[in-house]
Amino acid sequence: MVRRILWLTAVLGVLSWVPLALLARQREVKHSSPRMQIVPDMDKQPKFRPQRPNAVFADGRADR
């Protein structure tokens, strides 16, 4: 009985590392599509080039 509990504990211990190994592998594998961004924040925001015309502002300049 004790041997079975120890074996089960060892198997569950090894299996608990499987999700971590899969996550580590996903970070290293190269994909053709970009990664999903849950909170993109400032990664993909529109930007204004300095010294270029811009119709967003009343005076037509992008410099602020």
N, C-alpha and C. Protein backbone atom coordinates (compact mmCIF):
# COMPACT_ATOMS: atom_id res chain seq x y z
N MET A 1 0.82 -1.20 0.00
CA MET A 1 0.00 0.00 0.00
C MET A 1 0.87 1.27 0.00
N VAL A 2 1.89 1.28 0.85
CA VAL A 2 2.78 2.45 0.93
C VAL A 2 3.54 2.60 -0.39
N ARG A 3 3.93 1.48 -0.98
CA ARG A 3 4.65 1.54 -2.25
C ARG A 3 3.78 2.14 -3.35
N ARG A 4 2.50 1.81 -3.34
CA ARG A 4 1.57 2.35 -4.34
C ARG A 4 1.41 3.86 -4.16
N ILE A 5 1.33 4.32 -2.92
CA ILE A 5 1.19 5.76 -2.66
C ILE A 5 2.45 6.50 -3.10
N LEU A 6 3.61 5.93 -2.82
CA LEU A 6 4.85 6.57 -3.26
C LEU A 6 4.95 6.61 -4.78
N TRP A 7 4.56 5.52 -5.43
CA TRP A 7 4.58 5.49 -6.89
C TRP A 7 3.63 6.53 -7.47
N LEU A 8 2.42 6.61 -6.91
CA LEU A 8 1.43 7.58 -7.39
C LEU A 8 1.92 9.01 -7.17
N THR A 9 2.55 9.25 -6.03
CA THR A 9 3.09 10.59 -5.76
C THR A 9 4.20 10.93 -6.75
N ALA A 10 5.04 9.97 -7.06
CA ALA A 10 6.11 10.23 -8.03
C ALA A 10 5.55 10.50 -9.42
N VAL A 11 4.56 9.73 -9.83
CA VAL A 11 3.96 9.94 -11.16
C VAL A 11 3.28 11.30 -11.22
N LEU A 12 2.53 11.66 -10.19
CA LEU A 12 1.87 12.97 -10.19
C LEU A 12 2.89 14.11 -10.13
N GLY A 13 3.98 13.89 -9.44
CA GLY A 13 5.04 14.91 -9.41
C GLY A 13 5.64 15.15 -10.78
N VAL A 14 5.89 14.06 -11.50
CA VAL A 14 6.44 14.20 -12.86
C VAL A 14 5.42 14.83 -13.79
N LEU A 15 4.16 14.42 -13.68
CA LEU A 15 3.12 14.99 -14.54
C LEU A 15 2.86 16.46 -14.26
N SER A 16 3.16 16.90 -13.05
CA SER A 16 2.94 18.32 -12.74
C SER A 16 3.91 19.22 -13.50
N TRP A 17 5.02 18.67 -13.98
CA TRP A 17 6.00 19.45 -14.74
C TRP A 17 5.67 19.53 -16.22
N VAL A 18 4.73 18.72 -16.69
CA VAL A 18 4.40 18.69 -18.12
C VAL A 18 3.88 20.05 -18.61
N PRO A 19 2.92 20.70 -17.93
CA PRO A 19 2.48 22.01 -18.42
C PRO A 19 3.60 23.04 -18.49
N LEU A 20 4.50 23.02 -17.51
CA LEU A 20 5.62 23.97 -17.54
C LEU A 20 6.56 23.68 -18.71
N ALA A 21 6.77 22.42 -19.00
CA ALA A 21 7.62 22.07 -20.14
C ALA A 21 6.97 22.49 -21.45
N LEU A 22 5.66 22.33 -21.56
CA LEU A 22 4.96 22.74 -22.78
C LEU A 22 5.00 24.25 -22.96
N LEU A 23 4.85 25.00 -21.87
CA LEU A 23 4.94 26.46 -21.96
C LEU A 23 6.34 26.90 -22.37
N ALA A 24 7.34 26.28 -21.80
CA ALA A 24 8.72 26.61 -22.16
C ALA A 24 8.99 26.30 -23.63
N ARG A 25 8.45 25.20 -24.12
CA ARG A 25 8.64 24.84 -25.52
C ARG A 25 7.96 25.85 -26.44
N GLN A 26 6.77 26.29 -26.08
CA GLN A 26 6.05 27.25 -26.91
C GLN A 26 6.79 28.57 -27.01
N ARG A 27 7.52 28.94 -25.98
CA ARG A 27 8.28 30.19 -26.04
C ARG A 27 9.46 30.10 -26.99
N GLU A 28 9.95 28.90 -27.25
CA GLU A 28 11.13 28.73 -28.09
C GLU A 28 10.81 28.36 -29.53
N VAL A 29 9.61 27.88 -29.81
CA VAL A 29 9.25 27.44 -31.15
C VAL A 29 8.95 28.67 -32.02
N LYS A 30 9.46 28.67 -33.23
CA LYS A 30 9.21 29.77 -34.17
C LYS A 30 7.89 29.53 -34.89
N HIS A 31 7.04 30.56 -34.94
CA HIS A 31 5.75 30.46 -35.60
C HIS A 31 5.71 31.40 -36.79
N SER A 32 4.91 31.06 -37.78
CA SER A 32 4.77 31.93 -38.94
C SER A 32 3.81 33.08 -38.65
N SER A 33 2.90 32.90 -37.73
CA SER A 33 1.96 33.96 -37.37
C SER A 33 2.44 34.67 -36.10
N PRO A 34 2.10 35.94 -35.94
CA PRO A 34 2.55 36.66 -34.74
C PRO A 34 1.87 36.12 -33.48
N ARG A 35 2.49 36.34 -32.35
CA ARG A 35 1.92 35.87 -31.09
C ARG A 35 0.68 36.67 -30.73
N MET A 36 -0.23 36.04 -30.02
CA MET A 36 -1.44 36.71 -29.57
C MET A 36 -1.09 37.66 -28.43
N GLN A 37 -1.61 38.86 -28.49
CA GLN A 37 -1.38 39.83 -27.44
C GLN A 37 -2.69 40.06 -26.70
N ILE A 38 -2.70 39.73 -25.43
CA ILE A 38 -3.92 39.89 -24.65
C ILE A 38 -4.17 41.37 -24.35
N VAL A 39 -3.12 42.08 -23.95
CA VAL A 39 -3.22 43.52 -23.69
C VAL A 39 -2.16 44.21 -24.54
N PRO A 40 -2.52 44.67 -25.74
CA PRO A 40 -1.50 45.22 -26.64
C PRO A 40 -0.95 46.59 -26.21
N ASP A 41 -1.66 47.31 -25.38
CA ASP A 41 -1.25 48.62 -24.88
C ASP A 41 -0.61 49.48 -25.97
N MET A 42 0.68 49.71 -25.87
CA MET A 42 1.34 50.64 -26.79
C MET A 42 2.10 49.93 -27.90
N ASP A 43 1.93 48.63 -28.04
CA ASP A 43 2.68 47.91 -29.07
C ASP A 43 2.24 48.28 -30.47
N LYS A 44 0.95 48.45 -30.67
CA LYS A 44 0.43 48.71 -32.01
C LYS A 44 -0.48 49.94 -31.98
N GLN A 45 0.08 51.06 -31.66
CA GLN A 45 -0.70 52.28 -31.67
C GLN A 45 -0.27 53.13 -32.86
N PRO A 46 -1.19 53.92 -33.38
CA PRO A 46 -0.80 54.79 -34.50
C PRO A 46 0.18 55.86 -34.02
N LYS A 47 1.13 56.18 -34.86
CA LYS A 47 2.07 57.22 -34.49
C LYS A 47 2.12 58.28 -35.59
N PHE A 48 2.52 59.45 -35.19
CA PHE A 48 2.63 60.56 -36.12
C PHE A 48 4.11 60.84 -36.35
N ARG A 49 4.49 60.97 -37.60
CA ARG A 49 5.87 61.29 -37.93
C ARG A 49 6.09 62.78 -37.75
N PRO A 50 7.18 63.18 -37.13
CA PRO A 50 7.43 64.61 -36.95
C PRO A 50 7.67 65.31 -38.29
N GLN A 51 7.29 66.54 -38.34
CA GLN A 51 7.45 67.39 -39.53
C GLN A 51 6.65 66.89 -40.72
N ARG A 52 5.60 66.14 -40.47
CA ARG A 52 4.73 65.65 -41.55
C ARG A 52 3.34 66.21 -41.35
N PRO A 53 2.61 66.43 -42.44
CA PRO A 53 1.24 66.92 -42.29
C PRO A 53 0.33 65.85 -41.69
N ASN A 54 -0.66 66.32 -40.93
CA ASN A 54 -1.59 65.41 -40.28
C ASN A 54 -2.96 66.07 -40.22
N ALA A 55 -3.97 65.37 -40.67
CA ALA A 55 -5.31 65.95 -40.72
C ALA A 55 -6.06 65.83 -39.39
N VAL A 56 -5.49 65.17 -38.42
CA VAL A 56 -6.17 64.98 -37.15
C VAL A 56 -6.28 66.29 -36.38
N PHE A 57 -5.24 67.10 -36.43
CA PHE A 57 -5.21 68.35 -35.67
C PHE A 57 -5.67 69.52 -36.54
N ALA A 58 -6.17 70.53 -35.89
CA ALA A 58 -6.76 71.67 -36.61
C ALA A 58 -5.72 72.41 -37.44
N ASP A 59 -4.49 72.54 -36.95
CA ASP A 59 -3.48 73.27 -37.71
C ASP A 59 -2.76 72.40 -38.74
N GLY A 60 -3.09 71.10 -38.80
CA GLY A 60 -2.54 70.21 -39.81
C GLY A 60 -1.12 69.73 -39.55
N ARG A 61 -0.58 69.98 -38.35
CA ARG A 61 0.79 69.54 -38.04
C ARG A 61 0.75 68.37 -37.07
N ALA A 62 1.73 67.48 -37.19
CA ALA A 62 1.81 66.35 -36.28
C ALA A 62 2.69 66.64 -35.06
N ASP A 63 3.47 67.71 -35.11
CA ASP A 63 4.35 68.04 -33.99
C ASP A 63 3.54 68.54 -32.80
N ARG A 64 3.79 67.96 -31.67
CA ARG A 64 3.12 68.39 -30.42
C ARG A 64 4.11 68.44 -29.32
